[in-house]
Amino acid sequence: MEEKKEGCVEPATEPLTDANVYKQGGFRTLKLSDFRGKWIVLCFYPGDFTFV
């Protein structure tokens, strides 16, 4: 059996260019290039929307 590395996800191999977001009652894809020249804050919540 393969030994697992610390953590539960694999590291990204490419830069983040877009993200799936929940906005105004639905999911959509947001392109980070739309915010070029502006400050943004990305927050990640593991387990969010899992309804556990």
PDB file of N, CA and C in Angstrom:
ATOM      1  N   MET A   1       0.847  -1.175   0.000  1.00  0.00           N
ATOM      2  CA  MET A   1       0.000   0.000   0.000  1.00  0.00           C
ATOM      3  C   MET A   1       0.892   1.238   0.000  1.00  0.00           C
ATOM      4  N   GLU A   2       0.534   2.221  -0.827  1.00  0.00           N
ATOM      5  CA  GLU A   2       1.324   3.446  -0.946  1.00  0.00           C
ATOM      6  C   GLU A   2       1.157   4.324   0.289  1.00  0.00           C
ATOM      7  N   GLU A   3       2.269   4.836   0.791  1.00  0.00           N
ATOM      8  CA  GLU A   3       2.220   5.704   1.966  1.00  0.00           C
ATOM      9  C   GLU A   3       1.725   7.089   1.565  1.00  0.00           C
ATOM     10  N   LYS A   4       0.776   7.624   2.332  1.00  0.00           N
ATOM     11  CA  LYS A   4       0.204   8.939   2.048  1.00  0.00           C
ATOM     12  C   LYS A   4       1.108  10.035   2.582  1.00  0.00           C
ATOM     13  N   LYS A   5       1.198  11.138   1.825  1.00  0.00           N
ATOM     14  CA  LYS A   5       1.913  12.313   2.295  1.00  0.00           C
ATOM     15  C   LYS A   5       1.018  13.066   3.263  1.00  0.00           C
ATOM     16  N   GLU A   6       1.611  13.972   4.028  1.00  0.00           N
ATOM     17  CA  GLU A   6       0.826  14.771   4.964  1.00  0.00           C
ATOM     18  C   GLU A   6      -0.152  15.644   4.186  1.00  0.00           C
ATOM     19  N   GLY A   7      -1.392  15.730   4.638  1.00  0.00           N
ATOM     20  CA  GLY A   7      -2.417  16.510   3.947  1.00  0.00           C
ATOM     21  C   GLY A   7      -3.340  15.599   3.174  1.00  0.00           C
ATOM     22  N   CYS A   8      -4.420  16.155   2.669  1.00  0.00           N
ATOM     23  CA  CYS A   8      -5.419  15.317   2.001  1.00  0.00           C
ATOM     24  C   CYS A   8      -5.562  15.626   0.521  1.00  0.00           C
ATOM     25  N   VAL A   9      -4.824  16.589   0.003  1.00  0.00           N
ATOM     26  CA  VAL A   9      -4.938  16.930  -1.417  1.00  0.00           C
ATOM     27  C   VAL A   9      -3.555  16.985  -2.045  1.00  0.00           C
ATOM     28  N   GLU A  10      -3.536  16.869  -3.359  1.00  0.00           N
ATOM     29  CA  GLU A  10      -2.287  16.981  -4.095  1.00  0.00           C
ATOM     30  C   GLU A  10      -1.986  18.465  -4.337  1.00  0.00           C
ATOM     31  N   PRO A  11      -0.724  18.866  -4.335  1.00  0.00           N
ATOM     32  CA  PRO A  11      -0.395  20.258  -4.621  1.00  0.00           C
ATOM     33  C   PRO A  11      -0.721  20.609  -6.068  1.00  0.00           C
ATOM     34  N   ALA A  12      -1.036  21.862  -6.301  1.00  0.00           N
ATOM     35  CA  ALA A  12      -1.368  22.331  -7.652  1.00  0.00           C
ATOM     36  C   ALA A  12      -0.130  22.246  -8.538  1.00  0.00           C
ATOM     37  N   THR A  13      -0.319  21.861  -9.793  1.00  0.00           N
ATOM     38  CA  THR A  13       0.787  21.794 -10.739  1.00  0.00           C
ATOM     39  C   THR A  13       0.792  22.987 -11.676  1.00  0.00           C
ATOM     40  N   GLU A  14      -0.312  23.733 -11.723  1.00  0.00           N
ATOM     41  CA  GLU A  14      -0.431  24.917 -12.570  1.00  0.00           C
ATOM     42  C   GLU A  14      -0.991  26.062 -11.743  1.00  0.00           C
ATOM     43  N   PRO A  15      -0.713  27.309 -12.144  1.00  0.00           N
ATOM     44  CA  PRO A  15      -1.268  28.446 -11.399  1.00  0.00           C
ATOM     45  C   PRO A  15      -2.790  28.496 -11.494  1.00  0.00           C
ATOM     46  N   LEU A  16      -3.412  29.046 -10.470  1.00  0.00           N
ATOM     47  CA  LEU A  16      -4.861  29.200 -10.439  1.00  0.00           C
ATOM     48  C   LEU A  16      -5.267  30.344 -11.371  1.00  0.00           C
ATOM     49  N   THR A  17      -6.121  30.062 -12.372  1.00  0.00           N
ATOM     50  CA  THR A  17      -6.560  31.097 -13.310  1.00  0.00           C
ATOM     51  C   THR A  17      -8.053  31.378 -13.206  1.00  0.00           C
ATOM     52  N   ASP A  18      -8.815  30.401 -12.742  1.00  0.00           N
ATOM     53  CA  ASP A  18     -10.248  30.596 -12.558  1.00  0.00           C
ATOM     54  C   ASP A  18     -10.707  29.734 -11.394  1.00  0.00           C
ATOM     55  N   ALA A  19     -11.913  30.032 -10.916  1.00  0.00           N
ATOM     56  CA  ALA A  19     -12.427  29.304  -9.757  1.00  0.00           C
ATOM     57  C   ALA A  19     -13.932  29.176  -9.860  1.00  0.00           C
ATOM     58  N   ASN A  20     -14.463  28.082  -9.343  1.00  0.00           N
ATOM     59  CA  ASN A  20     -15.904  27.916  -9.239  1.00  0.00           C
ATOM     60  C   ASN A  20     -16.365  28.605  -7.964  1.00  0.00           C
ATOM     61  N   VAL A  21     -17.363  29.460  -8.076  1.00  0.00           N
ATOM     62  CA  VAL A  21     -17.837  30.233  -6.928  1.00  0.00           C
ATOM     63  C   VAL A  21     -19.345  30.094  -6.794  1.00  0.00           C
ATOM     64  N   TYR A  22     -19.836  30.307  -5.589  1.00  0.00           N
ATOM     65  CA  TYR A  22     -21.267  30.319  -5.319  1.00  0.00           C
ATOM     66  C   TYR A  22     -21.668  31.774  -5.130  1.00  0.00           C
ATOM     67  N   LYS A  23     -22.533  32.279  -6.009  1.00  0.00           N
ATOM     68  CA  LYS A  23     -22.921  33.689  -5.956  1.00  0.00           C
ATOM     69  C   LYS A  23     -24.387  33.822  -6.327  1.00  0.00           C
ATOM     70  N   GLN A  24     -25.126  34.529  -5.505  1.00  0.00           N
ATOM     71  CA  GLN A  24     -26.537  34.834  -5.752  1.00  0.00           C
ATOM     72  C   GLN A  24     -27.362  33.591  -6.069  1.00  0.00           C
ATOM     73  N   GLY A  25     -27.209  32.573  -5.243  1.00  0.00           N
ATOM     74  CA  GLY A  25     -28.037  31.379  -5.360  1.00  0.00           C
ATOM     75  C   GLY A  25     -27.606  30.364  -6.382  1.00  0.00           C
ATOM     76  N   GLY A  26     -26.424  30.490  -6.952  1.00  0.00           N
ATOM     77  CA  GLY A  26     -25.980  29.510  -7.931  1.00  0.00           C
ATOM     78  C   GLY A  26     -24.471  29.488  -8.075  1.00  0.00           C
ATOM     79  N   PHE A  27     -23.966  28.452  -8.729  1.00  0.00           N
ATOM     80  CA  PHE A  27     -22.541  28.316  -8.963  1.00  0.00           C
ATOM     81  C   PHE A  27     -22.193  28.878 -10.331  1.00  0.00           C
ATOM     82  N   ARG A  28     -21.007  29.477 -10.437  1.00  0.00           N
ATOM     83  CA  ARG A  28     -20.515  29.969 -11.713  1.00  0.00           C
ATOM     84  C   ARG A  28     -18.998  29.970 -11.696  1.00  0.00           C
ATOM     85  N   THR A  29     -18.370  30.155 -12.856  1.00  0.00           N
ATOM     86  CA  THR A  29     -16.918  30.211 -12.952  1.00  0.00           C
ATOM     87  C   THR A  29     -16.487  31.667 -12.971  1.00  0.00           C
ATOM     88  N   LEU A  30     -15.524  31.984 -12.135  1.00  0.00           N
ATOM     89  CA  LEU A  30     -15.007  33.339 -12.017  1.00  0.00           C
ATOM     90  C   LEU A  30     -13.575  33.336 -12.530  1.00  0.00           C
ATOM     91  N   LYS A  31     -13.265  34.233 -13.464  1.00  0.00           N
ATOM     92  CA  LYS A  31     -11.906  34.338 -13.985  1.00  0.00           C
ATOM     93  C   LYS A  31     -11.143  35.374 -13.176  1.00  0.00           C
ATOM     94  N   LEU A  32      -9.982  34.994 -12.698  1.00  0.00           N
ATOM     95  CA  LEU A  32      -9.183  35.916 -11.914  1.00  0.00           C
ATOM     96  C   LEU A  32      -8.676  37.076 -12.764  1.00  0.00           C
ATOM     97  N   SER A  33      -8.583  36.906 -14.069  1.00  0.00           N
ATOM     98  CA  SER A  33      -8.135  37.993 -14.951  1.00  0.00           C
ATOM     99  C   SER A  33      -9.126  39.154 -14.966  1.00  0.00           C
ATOM    100  N   ASP A  34     -10.393  38.911 -14.573  1.00  0.00           N
ATOM    101  CA  ASP A  34     -11.380  39.990 -14.493  1.00  0.00           C
ATOM    102  C   ASP A  34     -11.023  41.009 -13.420  1.00  0.00           C
ATOM    103  N   PHE A  35     -10.153  40.625 -12.498  1.00  0.00           N
ATOM    104  CA  PHE A  35      -9.774  41.489 -11.382  1.00  0.00           C
ATOM    105  C   PHE A  35      -8.342  42.008 -11.513  1.00  0.00           C
ATOM    106  N   ARG A  36      -7.806  41.986 -12.722  1.00  0.00           N
ATOM    107  CA  ARG A  36      -6.429  42.447 -12.944  1.00  0.00           C
ATOM    108  C   ARG A  36      -6.279  43.888 -12.461  1.00  0.00           C
ATOM    109  N   GLY A  37      -5.251  44.146 -11.655  1.00  0.00           N
ATOM    110  CA  GLY A  37      -4.995  45.478 -11.135  1.00  0.00           C
ATOM    111  C   GLY A  37      -5.757  45.807  -9.859  1.00  0.00           C
ATOM    112  N   LYS A  38      -6.564  44.860  -9.364  1.00  0.00           N
ATOM    113  CA  LYS A  38      -7.331  45.069  -8.140  1.00  0.00           C
ATOM    114  C   LYS A  38      -6.849  44.091  -7.074  1.00  0.00           C
ATOM    115  N   TRP A  39      -7.048  44.457  -5.828  1.00  0.00           N
ATOM    116  CA  TRP A  39      -6.730  43.560  -4.713  1.00  0.00           C
ATOM    117  C   TRP A  39      -7.874  42.562  -4.555  1.00  0.00           C
ATOM    118  N   ILE A  40      -7.538  41.293  -4.343  1.00  0.00           N
ATOM    119  CA  ILE A  40      -8.553  40.276  -4.065  1.00  0.00           C
ATOM    120  C   ILE A  40      -8.088  39.426  -2.882  1.00  0.00           C
ATOM    121  N   VAL A  41      -9.041  38.830  -2.200  1.00  0.00           N
ATOM    122  CA  VAL A  41      -8.756  37.920  -1.095  1.00  0.00           C
ATOM    123  C   VAL A  41      -9.455  36.604  -1.406  1.00  0.00           C
ATOM    124  N   LEU A  42      -8.715  35.510  -1.405  1.00  0.00           N
ATOM    125  CA  LEU A  42      -9.289  34.184  -1.638  1.00  0.00           C
ATOM    126  C   LEU A  42      -9.359  33.453  -0.313  1.00  0.00           C
ATOM    127  N   CYS A  43     -10.539  32.942   0.022  1.00  0.00           N
ATOM    128  CA  CYS A  43     -10.733  32.183   1.252  1.00  0.00           C
ATOM    129  C   CYS A  43     -11.164  30.774   0.899  1.00  0.00           C
ATOM    130  N   PHE A  44     -10.572  29.803   1.538  1.00  0.00           N
ATOM    131  CA  PHE A  44     -10.895  28.413   1.291  1.00  0.00           C
ATOM    132  C   PHE A  44     -11.434  27.795   2.573  1.00  0.00           C
ATOM    133  N   TYR A  45     -12.566  27.139   2.490  1.00  0.00           N
ATOM    134  CA  TYR A  45     -13.206  26.507   3.624  1.00  0.00           C
ATOM    135  C   TYR A  45     -13.344  25.011   3.352  1.00  0.00           C
ATOM    136  N   PRO A  46     -12.413  24.195   3.803  1.00  0.00           N
ATOM    137  CA  PRO A  46     -12.532  22.755   3.576  1.00  0.00           C
ATOM    138  C   PRO A  46     -13.822  22.224   4.208  1.00  0.00           C
ATOM    139  N   GLY A  47     -14.551  21.479   3.447  1.00  0.00           N
ATOM    140  CA  GLY A  47     -15.776  20.882   3.959  1.00  0.00           C
ATOM    141  C   GLY A  47     -17.000  21.770   3.849  1.00  0.00           C
ATOM    142  N   ASP A  48     -16.846  22.978   3.348  1.00  0.00           N
ATOM    143  CA  ASP A  48     -18.002  23.849   3.170  1.00  0.00           C
ATOM    144  C   ASP A  48     -18.946  23.228   2.132  1.00  0.00           C
ATOM    145  N   PHE A  49     -20.206  23.395   2.305  1.00  0.00           N
ATOM    146  CA  PHE A  49     -21.251  22.883   1.410  1.00  0.00           C
ATOM    147  C   PHE A  49     -21.325  21.353   1.415  1.00  0.00           C
ATOM    148  N   THR A  50     -20.794  20.712   2.459  1.00  0.00           N
ATOM    149  CA  THR A  50     -20.881  19.254   2.527  1.00  0.00           C
ATOM    150  C   THR A  50     -22.132  18.797   3.289  1.00  0.00           C
ATOM    151  N   PHE A  51     -22.780  19.709   3.989  1.00  0.00           N
ATOM    152  CA  PHE A  51     -24.014  19.437   4.728  1.00  0.00           C
ATOM    153  C   PHE A  51     -23.839  18.291   5.729  1.00  0.00           C
ATOM    154  N   VAL A  52     -22.682  18.255   6.367  1.00  0.00           N
ATOM    155  CA  VAL A  52     -22.417  17.231   7.385  1.00  0.00           C
ATOM    156  C   VAL A  52     -22.808  17.747   8.734  1.00  0.00           C
TER     157      VAL A  52
END
